[in-house]
Amino acid sequence: MAGFHLLETSERVVGQVTEELRTLGVQRIMPAHCTGAPQIAQIAEAFGDDYLEGGVGRVVEFEVGPTVG
Protein backbone atom coordinates (compact mmCIF):
# COMPACT_ATOMS: atom_id res chain seq x y z
CA MET A 1 0.00 0.00 0.00
CA ALA A 2 1.81 3.07 -1.23
CA GLY A 3 1.96 5.97 -3.58
CA PHE A 4 4.42 4.97 -6.27
CA HIS A 5 4.79 8.45 -7.81
CA LEU A 6 4.58 7.08 -11.36
CA LEU A 7 2.37 9.87 -12.71
CA GLU A 8 4.85 10.96 -15.41
CA THR A 9 6.09 7.42 -16.12
CA SER A 10 5.71 5.61 -19.43
CA GLU A 11 3.71 2.41 -19.85
CA ARG A 12 6.96 0.53 -20.54
CA VAL A 13 8.55 1.64 -17.27
CA VAL A 14 5.38 0.91 -15.27
CA GLY A 15 5.50 -2.60 -16.74
CA GLN A 16 9.11 -2.96 -15.60
CA VAL A 17 8.23 -1.71 -12.11
CA THR A 18 5.33 -4.16 -11.94
CA GLU A 19 7.54 -7.08 -13.01
CA GLU A 20 10.18 -6.14 -10.44
CA LEU A 21 7.59 -5.92 -7.66
CA ARG A 22 6.43 -9.47 -8.52
CA THR A 23 10.08 -10.63 -8.61
CA LEU A 24 10.58 -9.15 -5.15
CA GLY A 25 7.64 -11.21 -3.89
CA VAL A 26 4.91 -8.59 -3.69
CA GLN A 27 1.72 -10.63 -3.49
CA ARG A 28 -0.91 -7.89 -3.31
CA ILE A 29 -0.78 -4.25 -4.20
CA MET A 30 -2.78 -1.11 -3.39
CA PRO A 31 -1.34 1.92 -5.19
CA ALA A 32 -2.39 5.37 -3.96
CA HIS A 33 -3.54 8.39 -5.98
CA CYS A 34 -0.05 9.83 -6.59
CA THR A 35 0.71 6.77 -8.69
CA GLY A 36 -1.46 8.18 -11.53
CA ALA A 37 -4.79 6.87 -12.83
CA PRO A 38 -3.47 5.30 -16.08
CA GLN A 39 -0.58 3.76 -14.17
CA ILE A 40 -2.93 2.38 -11.51
CA ALA A 41 -5.06 0.82 -14.26
CA GLN A 42 -1.96 -0.85 -15.74
CA ILE A 43 -0.88 -2.17 -12.33
CA ALA A 44 -4.42 -3.39 -11.63
CA GLU A 45 -4.45 -5.31 -14.90
CA ALA A 46 -1.05 -6.86 -14.20
CA PHE A 47 -1.92 -7.92 -10.63
CA GLY A 48 -5.48 -9.04 -11.40
CA ASP A 49 -7.23 -10.31 -8.27
CA ASP A 50 -4.17 -9.31 -6.24
CA TYR A 51 -4.88 -5.62 -6.90
CA LEU A 52 -6.73 -3.84 -4.10
CA GLU A 53 -8.44 -0.52 -4.69
CA GLY A 54 -7.35 2.15 -2.23
CA GLY A 55 -8.87 5.46 -1.33
CA VAL A 56 -9.60 7.86 1.49
CA GLY A 57 -11.40 6.09 4.32
CA ARG A 58 -10.62 2.61 2.99
CA VAL A 59 -10.23 0.13 5.83
CA VAL A 60 -7.77 -2.70 5.31
CA GLU A 61 -7.53 -5.60 7.72
CA PHE A 62 -4.46 -7.80 7.88
CA GLU A 63 -4.45 -11.35 9.14
CA VAL A 64 -1.26 -12.33 10.91
CA GLY A 65 -0.12 -15.88 10.33
CA PRO A 66 2.17 -18.11 12.37
CA THR A 67 5.75 -17.00 12.93
CA VAL A 68 8.53 -19.10 11.45
CA GLY A 69 11.73 -19.68 13.38
PDB file of N, CA and C in Angstrom:
ATOM      1  N   MET A   1       0.868  -1.151   0.000  1.00  0.00           N
ATOM      2  CA  MET A   1       0.000   0.000   0.000  1.00  0.00           C
ATOM      3  C   MET A   1       0.919   1.218   0.000  1.00  0.00           C
ATOM      4  N   ALA A   2       0.903   1.935  -1.129  1.00  0.00           N
ATOM      5  CA  ALA A   2       1.812   3.075  -1.225  1.00  0.00           C
ATOM      6  C   ALA A   2       1.459   3.937  -2.423  1.00  0.00           C
ATOM      7  N   GLY A   3       1.994   5.127  -2.406  1.00  0.00           N
ATOM      8  CA  GLY A   3       1.964   5.974  -3.580  1.00  0.00           C
ATOM      9  C   GLY A   3       3.274   5.761  -4.311  1.00  0.00           C
ATOM     10  N   PHE A   4       3.203   5.325  -5.540  1.00  0.00           N
ATOM     11  CA  PHE A   4       4.415   4.967  -6.270  1.00  0.00           C
ATOM     12  C   PHE A   4       4.990   6.124  -7.085  1.00  0.00           C
ATOM     13  N   HIS A   5       4.305   7.248  -7.115  1.00  0.00           N
ATOM     14  CA  HIS A   5       4.786   8.448  -7.808  1.00  0.00           C
ATOM     15  C   HIS A   5       5.197   8.129  -9.249  1.00  0.00           C
ATOM     16  N   LEU A   6       4.318   7.465  -9.973  1.00  0.00           N
ATOM     17  CA  LEU A   6       4.583   7.076 -11.362  1.00  0.00           C
ATOM     18  C   LEU A   6       3.806   7.929 -12.358  1.00  0.00           C
ATOM     19  N   LEU A   7       3.257   9.032 -11.906  1.00  0.00           N
ATOM     20  CA  LEU A   7       2.366   9.870 -12.709  1.00  0.00           C
ATOM     21  C   LEU A   7       2.945  10.236 -14.074  1.00  0.00           C
ATOM     22  N   GLU A   8       4.204  10.542 -14.152  1.00  0.00           N
ATOM     23  CA  GLU A   8       4.846  10.964 -15.407  1.00  0.00           C
ATOM     24  C   GLU A   8       5.601   9.812 -16.072  1.00  0.00           C
ATOM     25  N   THR A   9       5.321   8.582 -15.675  1.00  0.00           N
ATOM     26  CA  THR A   9       6.094   7.424 -16.119  1.00  0.00           C
ATOM     27  C   THR A   9       5.417   6.722 -17.286  1.00  0.00           C
ATOM     28  N   SER A  10       6.224   6.271 -18.229  1.00  0.00           N
ATOM     29  CA  SER A  10       5.707   5.607 -19.425  1.00  0.00           C
ATOM     30  C   SER A  10       5.142   4.222 -19.095  1.00  0.00           C
ATOM     31  N   GLU A  11       4.308   3.741 -19.997  1.00  0.00           N
ATOM     32  CA  GLU A  11       3.711   2.412 -19.852  1.00  0.00           C
ATOM     33  C   GLU A  11       4.800   1.338 -19.765  1.00  0.00           C
ATOM     34  N   ARG A  12       5.850   1.495 -20.546  1.00  0.00           N
ATOM     35  CA  ARG A  12       6.957   0.532 -20.538  1.00  0.00           C
ATOM     36  C   ARG A  12       7.609   0.451 -19.157  1.00  0.00           C
ATOM     37  N   VAL A  13       7.886   1.606 -18.577  1.00  0.00           N
ATOM     38  CA  VAL A  13       8.546   1.639 -17.268  1.00  0.00           C
ATOM     39  C   VAL A  13       7.613   1.107 -16.180  1.00  0.00           C
ATOM     40  N   VAL A  14       6.339   1.443 -16.244  1.00  0.00           N
ATOM     41  CA  VAL A  14       5.378   0.914 -15.269  1.00  0.00           C
ATOM     42  C   VAL A  14       5.354  -0.614 -15.354  1.00  0.00           C
ATOM     43  N   GLY A  15       5.431  -1.145 -16.567  1.00  0.00           N
ATOM     44  CA  GLY A  15       5.503  -2.595 -16.743  1.00  0.00           C
ATOM     45  C   GLY A  15       6.740  -3.184 -16.090  1.00  0.00           C
ATOM     46  N   GLN A  16       7.868  -2.498 -16.226  1.00  0.00           N
ATOM     47  CA  GLN A  16       9.106  -2.961 -15.602  1.00  0.00           C
ATOM     48  C   GLN A  16       9.001  -2.918 -14.074  1.00  0.00           C
ATOM     49  N   VAL A  17       8.417  -1.843 -13.559  1.00  0.00           N
ATOM     50  CA  VAL A  17       8.232  -1.714 -12.110  1.00  0.00           C
ATOM     51  C   VAL A  17       7.330  -2.843 -11.604  1.00  0.00           C
ATOM     52  N   THR A  18       6.262  -3.109 -12.322  1.00  0.00           N
ATOM     53  CA  THR A  18       5.325  -4.165 -11.938  1.00  0.00           C
ATOM     54  C   THR A  18       6.012  -5.524 -11.924  1.00  0.00           C
ATOM     55  N   GLU A  19       6.799  -5.817 -12.954  1.00  0.00           N
ATOM     56  CA  GLU A  19       7.535  -7.083 -13.014  1.00  0.00           C
ATOM     57  C   GLU A  19       8.512  -7.201 -11.848  1.00  0.00           C
ATOM     58  N   GLU A  20       9.209  -6.119 -11.540  1.00  0.00           N
ATOM     59  CA  GLU A  20      10.181  -6.139 -10.443  1.00  0.00           C
ATOM     60  C   GLU A  20       9.488  -6.346  -9.097  1.00  0.00           C
ATOM     61  N   LEU A  21       8.324  -5.725  -8.908  1.00  0.00           N
ATOM     62  CA  LEU A  21       7.587  -5.923  -7.659  1.00  0.00           C
ATOM     63  C   LEU A  21       7.203  -7.394  -7.498  1.00  0.00           C
ATOM     64  N   ARG A  22       6.768  -8.036  -8.570  1.00  0.00           N
ATOM     65  CA  ARG A  22       6.434  -9.466  -8.525  1.00  0.00           C
ATOM     66  C   ARG A  22       7.682 -10.290  -8.219  1.00  0.00           C
ATOM     67  N   THR A  23       8.811  -9.936  -8.848  1.00  0.00           N
ATOM     68  CA  THR A  23      10.080 -10.632  -8.609  1.00  0.00           C
ATOM     69  C   THR A  23      10.492 -10.515  -7.141  1.00  0.00           C
ATOM     70  N   LEU A  24      10.229  -9.370  -6.557  1.00  0.00           N
ATOM     71  CA  LEU A  24      10.576  -9.149  -5.148  1.00  0.00           C
ATOM     72  C   LEU A  24       9.623  -9.861  -4.183  1.00  0.00           C
ATOM     73  N   GLY A  25       8.558 -10.454  -4.720  1.00  0.00           N
ATOM     74  CA  GLY A  25       7.640 -11.215  -3.885  1.00  0.00           C
ATOM     75  C   GLY A  25       6.395 -10.480  -3.446  1.00  0.00           C
ATOM     76  N   VAL A  26       6.128  -9.310  -4.037  1.00  0.00           N
ATOM     77  CA  VAL A  26       4.910  -8.589  -3.692  1.00  0.00           C
ATOM     78  C   VAL A  26       3.719  -9.432  -4.140  1.00  0.00           C
ATOM     79  N   GLN A  27       2.855  -9.761  -3.196  1.00  0.00           N
ATOM     80  CA  GLN A  27       1.718 -10.632  -3.490  1.00  0.00           C
ATOM     81  C   GLN A  27       0.447  -9.846  -3.787  1.00  0.00           C
ATOM     82  N   ARG A  28       0.263  -8.753  -3.101  1.00  0.00           N
ATOM     83  CA  ARG A  28      -0.908  -7.892  -3.312  1.00  0.00           C
ATOM     84  C   ARG A  28      -0.436  -6.460  -3.344  1.00  0.00           C
ATOM     85  N   ILE A  29      -1.227  -5.629  -4.035  1.00  0.00           N
ATOM     86  CA  ILE A  29      -0.783  -4.250  -4.205  1.00  0.00           C
ATOM     87  C   ILE A  29      -1.975  -3.298  -4.127  1.00  0.00           C
ATOM     88  N   MET A  30      -1.750  -2.147  -3.499  1.00  0.00           N
ATOM     89  CA  MET A  30      -2.777  -1.114  -3.392  1.00  0.00           C
ATOM     90  C   MET A  30      -2.104   0.240  -3.632  1.00  0.00           C
ATOM     91  N   PRO A  31      -1.976   0.641  -4.912  1.00  0.00           N
ATOM     92  CA  PRO A  31      -1.343   1.925  -5.194  1.00  0.00           C
ATOM     93  C   PRO A  31      -2.252   3.099  -4.832  1.00  0.00           C
ATOM     94  N   ALA A  32      -1.638   4.173  -4.356  1.00  0.00           N
ATOM     95  CA  ALA A  32      -2.390   5.366  -3.963  1.00  0.00           C
ATOM     96  C   ALA A  32      -2.463   6.357  -5.131  1.00  0.00           C
ATOM     97  N   HIS A  33      -3.230   7.430  -4.927  1.00  0.00           N
ATOM     98  CA  HIS A  33      -3.544   8.393  -5.983  1.00  0.00           C
ATOM     99  C   HIS A  33      -2.319   8.979  -6.672  1.00  0.00           C
ATOM    100  N   CYS A  34      -1.233   9.195  -5.975  1.00  0.00           N
ATOM    101  CA  CYS A  34      -0.055   9.829  -6.592  1.00  0.00           C
ATOM    102  C   CYS A  34       0.673   8.887  -7.554  1.00  0.00           C
ATOM    103  N   THR A  35       0.158   7.690  -7.706  1.00  0.00           N
ATOM    104  CA  THR A  35       0.705   6.768  -8.693  1.00  0.00           C
ATOM    105  C   THR A  35       0.277   7.198 -10.095  1.00  0.00           C
ATOM    106  N   GLY A  36      -0.909   7.767 -10.233  1.00  0.00           N
ATOM    107  CA  GLY A  36      -1.456   8.184 -11.528  1.00  0.00           C
ATOM    108  C   GLY A  36      -2.531   7.206 -11.973  1.00  0.00           C
ATOM    109  N   ALA A  37      -3.651   7.724 -12.447  1.00  0.00           N
ATOM    110  CA  ALA A  37      -4.790   6.874 -12.831  1.00  0.00           C
ATOM    111  C   ALA A  37      -4.455   5.880 -13.940  1.00  0.00           C
ATOM    112  N   PRO A  38      -3.804   6.289 -15.047  1.00  0.00           N
ATOM    113  CA  PRO A  38      -3.471   5.302 -16.084  1.00  0.00           C
ATOM    114  C   PRO A  38      -2.487   4.247 -15.573  1.00  0.00           C
ATOM    115  N   GLN A  39      -1.569   4.683 -14.719  1.00  0.00           N
ATOM    116  CA  GLN A  39      -0.582   3.762 -14.169  1.00  0.00           C
ATOM    117  C   GLN A  39      -1.247   2.780 -13.203  1.00  0.00           C
ATOM    118  N   ILE A  40      -2.188   3.261 -12.413  1.00  0.00           N
ATOM    119  CA  ILE A  40      -2.934   2.378 -11.511  1.00  0.00           C
ATOM    120  C   ILE A  40      -3.698   1.337 -12.319  1.00  0.00           C
ATOM    121  N   ALA A  41      -4.317   1.761 -13.412  1.00  0.00           N
ATOM    122  CA  ALA A  41      -5.057   0.820 -14.258  1.00  0.00           C
ATOM    123  C   ALA A  41      -4.134  -0.260 -14.814  1.00  0.00           C
ATOM    124  N   GLN A  42      -2.928   0.118 -15.210  1.00  0.00           N
ATOM    125  CA  GLN A  42      -1.963  -0.850 -15.735  1.00  0.00           C
ATOM    126  C   GLN A  42      -1.527  -1.827 -14.647  1.00  0.00           C
ATOM    127  N   ILE A  43      -1.269  -1.314 -13.458  1.00  0.00           N
ATOM    128  CA  ILE A  43      -0.878  -2.169 -12.333  1.00  0.00           C
ATOM    129  C   ILE A  43      -2.028  -3.101 -11.966  1.00  0.00           C
ATOM    130  N   ALA A  44      -3.243  -2.578 -11.950  1.00  0.00           N
ATOM    131  CA  ALA A  44      -4.420  -3.390 -11.627  1.00  0.00           C
ATOM    132  C   ALA A  44      -4.561  -4.544 -12.608  1.00  0.00           C
ATOM    133  N   GLU A  45      -4.352  -4.264 -13.880  1.00  0.00           N
ATOM    134  CA  GLU A  45      -4.450  -5.315 -14.896  1.00  0.00           C
ATOM    135  C   GLU A  45      -3.368  -6.370 -14.690  1.00  0.00           C
ATOM    136  N   ALA A  46      -2.163  -5.929 -14.384  1.00  0.00           N
ATOM    137  CA  ALA A  46      -1.048  -6.856 -14.204  1.00  0.00           C
ATOM    138  C   ALA A  46      -1.222  -7.732 -12.956  1.00  0.00           C
ATOM    139  N   PHE A  47      -1.772  -7.166 -11.880  1.00  0.00           N
ATOM    140  CA  PHE A  47      -1.920  -7.918 -10.631  1.00  0.00           C
ATOM    141  C   PHE A  47      -3.246  -8.665 -10.547  1.00  0.00           C
ATOM    142  N   GLY A  48      -4.207  -8.323 -11.391  1.00  0.00           N
ATOM    143  CA  GLY A  48      -5.482  -9.035 -11.402  1.00  0.00           C
ATOM    144  C   GLY A  48      -6.171  -9.024 -10.048  1.00  0.00           C
ATOM    145  N   ASP A  49      -6.532 -10.198  -9.561  1.00  0.00           N
ATOM    146  CA  ASP A  49      -7.227 -10.313  -8.271  1.00  0.00           C
ATOM    147  C   ASP A  49      -6.366  -9.889  -7.092  1.00  0.00           C
ATOM    148  N   ASP A  50      -5.072  -9.734  -7.308  1.00  0.00           N
ATOM    149  CA  ASP A  50      -4.168  -9.312  -6.240  1.00  0.00           C
ATOM    150  C   ASP A  50      -4.051  -7.791  -6.148  1.00  0.00           C
ATOM    151  N   TYR A  51      -4.808  -7.079  -6.979  1.00  0.00           N
ATOM    152  CA  TYR A  51      -4.880  -5.619  -6.904  1.00  0.00           C
ATOM    153  C   TYR A  51      -6.008  -5.250  -5.948  1.00  0.00           C
ATOM    154  N   LEU A  52      -5.731  -4.341  -5.032  1.00  0.00           N
ATOM    155  CA  LEU A  52      -6.728  -3.842  -4.097  1.00  0.00           C
ATOM    156  C   LEU A  52      -6.918  -2.349  -4.341  1.00  0.00           C
ATOM    157  N   GLU A  53      -8.159  -1.928  -4.463  1.00  0.00           N
ATOM    158  CA  GLU A  53      -8.440  -0.520  -4.688  1.00  0.00           C
ATOM    159  C   GLU A  53      -8.315   0.252  -3.383  1.00  0.00           C
ATOM    160  N   GLY A  54      -7.529   1.310  -3.413  1.00  0.00           N
ATOM    161  CA  GLY A  54      -7.350   2.146  -2.232  1.00  0.00           C
ATOM    162  C   GLY A  54      -8.241   3.368  -2.307  1.00  0.00           C
ATOM    163  N   GLY A  55      -8.126   4.215  -1.333  1.00  0.00           N
ATOM    164  CA  GLY A  55      -8.875   5.457  -1.327  1.00  0.00           C
ATOM    165  C   GLY A  55      -9.051   5.971   0.094  1.00  0.00           C
ATOM    166  N   VAL A  56      -9.401   7.231   0.190  1.00  0.00           N
ATOM    167  CA  VAL A  56      -9.603   7.861   1.487  1.00  0.00           C
ATOM    168  C   VAL A  56     -10.703   7.124   2.239  1.00  0.00           C
ATOM    169  N   GLY A  57     -10.429   6.766   3.468  1.00  0.00           N
ATOM    170  CA  GLY A  57     -11.400   6.090   4.316  1.00  0.00           C
ATOM    171  C   GLY A  57     -11.441   4.580   4.148  1.00  0.00           C
ATOM    172  N   ARG A  58     -10.657   4.058   3.213  1.00  0.00           N
ATOM    173  CA  ARG A  58     -10.621   2.607   2.989  1.00  0.00           C
ATOM    174  C   ARG A  58     -10.045   1.926   4.219  1.00  0.00           C
ATOM    175  N   VAL A  59     -10.704   0.900   4.689  1.00  0.00           N
ATOM    176  CA  VAL A  59     -10.230   0.127   5.830  1.00  0.00           C
ATOM    177  C   VAL A  59      -9.660  -1.181   5.306  1.00  0.00           C
ATOM    178  N   VAL A  60      -8.446  -1.476   5.727  1.00  0.00           N
ATOM    179  CA  VAL A  60      -7.774  -2.702   5.307  1.00  0.00           C
ATOM    180  C   VAL A  60      -7.425  -3.496   6.560  1.00  0.00           C
ATOM    181  N   GLU A  61      -7.846  -4.741   6.586  1.00  0.00           N
ATOM    182  CA  GLU A  61      -7.530  -5.597   7.719  1.00  0.00           C
ATOM    183  C   GLU A  61      -6.498  -6.631   7.297  1.00  0.00           C
ATOM    184  N   PHE A  62      -5.511  -6.844   8.138  1.00  0.00           N
ATOM    185  CA  PHE A  62      -4.464  -7.803   7.881  1.00  0.00           C
ATOM    186  C   PHE A  62      -4.601  -8.971   8.841  1.00  0.00           C
ATOM    187  N   GLU A  63      -4.427 -10.156   8.314  1.00  0.00           N
ATOM    188  CA  GLU A  63      -4.454 -11.351   9.141  1.00  0.00           C
ATOM    189  C   GLU A  63      -3.020 -11.796   9.344  1.00  0.00           C
ATOM    190  N   VAL A  64      -2.628 -11.953  10.596  1.00  0.00           N
ATOM    191  CA  VAL A  64      -1.257 -12.334  10.915  1.00  0.00           C
ATOM    192  C   VAL A  64      -1.194 -13.847  11.038  1.00  0.00           C
ATOM    193  N   GLY A  65      -0.287 -14.430  10.303  1.00  0.00           N
ATOM    194  CA  GLY A  65      -0.117 -15.885  10.327  1.00  0.00           C
ATOM    195  C   GLY A  65       0.916 -16.298  11.354  1.00  0.00           C
ATOM    196  N   PRO A  66       1.193 -17.595  11.410  1.00  0.00           N
ATOM    197  CA  PRO A  66       2.169 -18.106  12.375  1.00  0.00           C
ATOM    198  C   PRO A  66       3.581 -17.592  12.058  1.00  0.00           C
ATOM    199  N   THR A  67       4.374 -17.457  13.088  1.00  0.00           N
ATOM    200  CA  THR A  67       5.746 -17.004  12.935  1.00  0.00           C
ATOM    201  C   THR A  67       6.658 -18.204  12.678  1.00  0.00           C
ATOM    202  N   VAL A  68       7.587 -18.017  11.774  1.00  0.00           N
ATOM    203  CA  VAL A  68       8.527 -19.099  11.455  1.00  0.00           C
ATOM    204  C   VAL A  68       9.831 -18.817  12.174  1.00  0.00           C
ATOM    205  N   GLY A  69      10.414 -19.835  12.773  1.00  0.00           N
ATOM    206  CA  GLY A  69      11.732 -19.679  13.376  1.00  0.00           C
ATOM    207  C   GLY A  69      11.683 -19.733  14.817  1.00  0.00           C
TER     208      GLY A  69
END
